[in-house]
Amino acid sequence: MNTRTALSILRLVLGLVAGGYSLALIVTQLSGPTHHALLLLGVAELAAAILFLVPATMRVGGLALIAVFVLAALFHVLHGEYSIGFLAVYCAAALAVISGDGR
């Protein structure tokens, strides 16, 4: 497998995982007590994931995903939740995809 194919698979997996988690967050926020900051973060993550999955907007979507992941990490830390390693991995994956695009 070449690097381009590997990065395409990584983009697809990260975009679908981020989109799926953001949809779950949005549904949770709409079906119970709503925390507007979390709802906004979920909507922003979903929009960024969609942009990331579209080749023409992949770079802006990747940068937006990184911003959302950093904000999510900050939100977790401010609420005493320090298990944010997965968000660091997501950031690294998005950075790898947008850096290795070759455009």
C-alpha atoms as a PDB file:
ATOM      1  CA  MET A   1       0.000   0.000   0.000  1.00  0.00           C
ATOM      2  CA  ASN A   2       1.362   3.414  -0.863  1.00  0.00           C
ATOM      3  CA  THR A   3       1.282   6.530   1.311  1.00  0.00           C
ATOM      4  CA  ARG A   4      -1.477   8.218  -0.674  1.00  0.00           C
ATOM      5  CA  THR A   5      -3.804   5.247  -0.200  1.00  0.00           C
ATOM      6  CA  ALA A   6      -2.975   5.023   3.511  1.00  0.00           C
ATOM      7  CA  LEU A   7      -3.716   8.731   4.002  1.00  0.00           C
ATOM      8  CA  SER A   8      -6.994   8.388   2.091  1.00  0.00           C
ATOM      9  CA  ILE A   9      -8.044   5.532   4.379  1.00  0.00           C
ATOM     10  CA  LEU A  10      -7.005   7.545   7.449  1.00  0.00           C
ATOM     11  CA  ARG A  11      -9.040  10.529   6.189  1.00  0.00           C
ATOM     12  CA  LEU A  12     -12.092   8.338   5.626  1.00  0.00           C
ATOM     13  CA  VAL A  13     -11.864   6.634   9.019  1.00  0.00           C
ATOM     14  CA  LEU A  14     -11.204   9.838  10.968  1.00  0.00           C
ATOM     15  CA  GLY A  15     -13.964  11.721   9.143  1.00  0.00           C
ATOM     16  CA  LEU A  16     -16.519   8.975   9.741  1.00  0.00           C
ATOM     17  CA  VAL A  17     -15.540   8.444  13.390  1.00  0.00           C
ATOM     18  CA  ALA A  18     -15.585  12.184  14.161  1.00  0.00           C
ATOM     19  CA  GLY A  19     -18.872  12.594  12.299  1.00  0.00           C
ATOM     20  CA  GLY A  20     -20.436   9.657  14.125  1.00  0.00           C
ATOM     21  CA  TYR A  21     -19.363  10.871  17.544  1.00  0.00           C
ATOM     22  CA  SER A  22     -20.545  14.390  16.772  1.00  0.00           C
ATOM     23  CA  LEU A  23     -23.968  13.082  15.699  1.00  0.00           C
ATOM     24  CA  ALA A  24     -24.213  11.128  18.954  1.00  0.00           C
ATOM     25  CA  LEU A  25     -23.314  14.270  20.913  1.00  0.00           C
ATOM     26  CA  ILE A  26     -25.913  16.334  19.041  1.00  0.00           C
ATOM     27  CA  VAL A  27     -28.651  13.735  19.602  1.00  0.00           C
ATOM     28  CA  THR A  28     -27.763  13.503  23.302  1.00  0.00           C
ATOM     29  CA  GLN A  29     -27.897  17.271  23.685  1.00  0.00           C
ATOM     30  CA  LEU A  30     -31.223  17.548  21.868  1.00  0.00           C
ATOM     31  CA  SER A  31     -32.898  14.695  23.752  1.00  0.00           C
ATOM     32  CA  GLY A  32     -32.159  15.837  27.304  1.00  0.00           C
ATOM     33  CA  PRO A  33     -30.924  18.845  29.194  1.00  0.00           C
ATOM     34  CA  THR A  34     -29.115  20.940  26.607  1.00  0.00           C
ATOM     35  CA  HIS A  35     -25.685  22.370  27.260  1.00  0.00           C
ATOM     36  CA  HIS A  36     -25.422  24.906  24.473  1.00  0.00           C
ATOM     37  CA  ALA A  37     -21.611  24.828  24.379  1.00  0.00           C
ATOM     38  CA  LEU A  38     -21.634  21.062  23.822  1.00  0.00           C
ATOM     39  CA  LEU A  39     -24.331  21.329  21.172  1.00  0.00           C
ATOM     40  CA  LEU A  40     -22.342  24.001  19.354  1.00  0.00           C
ATOM     41  CA  LEU A  41     -19.173  21.911  19.603  1.00  0.00           C
ATOM     42  CA  GLY A  42     -21.032  18.901  18.185  1.00  0.00           C
ATOM     43  CA  VAL A  43     -22.411  20.893  15.258  1.00  0.00           C
ATOM     44  CA  ALA A  44     -18.982  22.388  14.536  1.00  0.00           C
ATOM     45  CA  GLU A  45     -17.380  18.943  14.653  1.00  0.00           C
ATOM     46  CA  LEU A  46     -19.996  17.500  12.298  1.00  0.00           C
ATOM     47  CA  ALA A  47     -19.487  20.343   9.815  1.00  0.00           C
ATOM     48  CA  ALA A  48     -15.698  19.958  10.024  1.00  0.00           C
ATOM     49  CA  ALA A  49     -15.945  16.182   9.534  1.00  0.00           C
ATOM     50  CA  ILE A  50     -18.088  16.620   6.429  1.00  0.00           C
ATOM     51  CA  LEU A  51     -15.640  19.161   5.002  1.00  0.00           C
ATOM     52  CA  PHE A  52     -12.760  16.800   5.818  1.00  0.00           C
ATOM     53  CA  LEU A  53     -14.401  13.949   3.890  1.00  0.00           C
ATOM     54  CA  VAL A  54     -14.831  16.023   0.713  1.00  0.00           C
ATOM     55  CA  PRO A  55     -11.512  16.095  -1.188  1.00  0.00           C
ATOM     56  CA  ALA A  56     -11.930  19.696  -2.358  1.00  0.00           C
ATOM     57  CA  THR A  57     -12.437  20.980   1.211  1.00  0.00           C
ATOM     58  CA  MET A  58     -10.270  18.443   3.051  1.00  0.00           C
ATOM     59  CA  ARG A  59      -7.649  20.971   4.218  1.00  0.00           C
ATOM     60  CA  VAL A  60     -10.095  23.447   5.729  1.00  0.00           C
ATOM     61  CA  GLY A  61     -12.041  20.562   7.260  1.00  0.00           C
ATOM     62  CA  GLY A  62      -8.861  19.110   8.749  1.00  0.00           C
ATOM     63  CA  LEU A  63      -7.865  22.429  10.273  1.00  0.00           C
ATOM     64  CA  ALA A  64     -11.388  22.868  11.630  1.00  0.00           C
ATOM     65  CA  LEU A  65     -11.303  19.355  13.121  1.00  0.00           C
ATOM     66  CA  ILE A  66      -8.007  20.126  14.845  1.00  0.00           C
ATOM     67  CA  ALA A  67      -9.526  23.309  16.314  1.00  0.00           C
ATOM     68  CA  VAL A  68     -12.598  21.394  17.505  1.00  0.00           C
ATOM     69  CA  PHE A  69     -10.466  18.644  19.063  1.00  0.00           C
ATOM     70  CA  VAL A  70      -8.352  21.228  20.912  1.00  0.00           C
ATOM     71  CA  LEU A  71     -11.506  22.943  22.214  1.00  0.00           C
ATOM     72  CA  ALA A  72     -12.937  19.570  23.242  1.00  0.00           C
ATOM     73  CA  ALA A  73      -9.726  18.746  25.120  1.00  0.00           C
ATOM     74  CA  LEU A  74      -9.887  22.094  26.888  1.00  0.00           C
ATOM     75  CA  PHE A  75     -13.529  21.476  27.780  1.00  0.00           C
ATOM     76  CA  HIS A  76     -12.645  18.047  29.226  1.00  0.00           C
ATOM     77  CA  VAL A  77      -9.718  19.383  31.265  1.00  0.00           C
ATOM     78  CA  LEU A  78     -11.751  22.288  32.634  1.00  0.00           C
ATOM     79  CA  HIS A  79     -14.299  19.748  33.863  1.00  0.00           C
ATOM     80  CA  GLY A  80     -11.690  17.569  35.573  1.00  0.00           C
ATOM     81  CA  GLU A  81     -11.602  14.898  32.869  1.00  0.00           C
ATOM     82  CA  TYR A  82      -7.960  14.318  31.987  1.00  0.00           C
ATOM     83  CA  SER A  83      -8.273  11.317  29.659  1.00  0.00           C
ATOM     84  CA  ILE A  84      -7.806  13.280  26.452  1.00  0.00           C
ATOM     85  CA  GLY A  85      -5.177  11.164  24.725  1.00  0.00           C
ATOM     86  CA  PHE A  86      -7.636  10.085  22.053  1.00  0.00           C
ATOM     87  CA  LEU A  87      -8.129  13.739  21.083  1.00  0.00           C
ATOM     88  CA  ALA A  88      -4.367  14.132  20.675  1.00  0.00           C
ATOM     89  CA  VAL A  89      -4.355  11.074  18.388  1.00  0.00           C
ATOM     90  CA  TYR A  90      -7.238  12.542  16.366  1.00  0.00           C
ATOM     91  CA  CYS A  91      -5.311  15.827  16.004  1.00  0.00           C
ATOM     92  CA  ALA A  92      -2.198  13.989  14.872  1.00  0.00           C
ATOM     93  CA  ALA A  93      -4.215  11.977  12.340  1.00  0.00           C
ATOM     94  CA  ALA A  94      -5.850  15.096  10.893  1.00  0.00           C
ATOM     95  CA  LEU A  95      -2.458  16.819  10.715  1.00  0.00           C
ATOM     96  CA  ALA A  96      -0.922  13.813   8.958  1.00  0.00           C
ATOM     97  CA  VAL A  97      -3.698  13.786   6.365  1.00  0.00           C
ATOM     98  CA  ILE A  98      -3.573  17.509   5.576  1.00  0.00           C
ATOM     99  CA  SER A  99       0.248  17.551   5.583  1.00  0.00           C
ATOM    100  CA  GLY A 100       0.571  14.524   3.348  1.00  0.00           C
ATOM    101  CA  ASP A 101      -1.973  15.606   0.790  1.00  0.00           C
ATOM    102  CA  GLY A 102       0.702  16.786  -1.646  1.00  0.00           C
ATOM    103  CA  ARG A 103      -1.198  19.815  -2.935  1.00  0.00           C
END
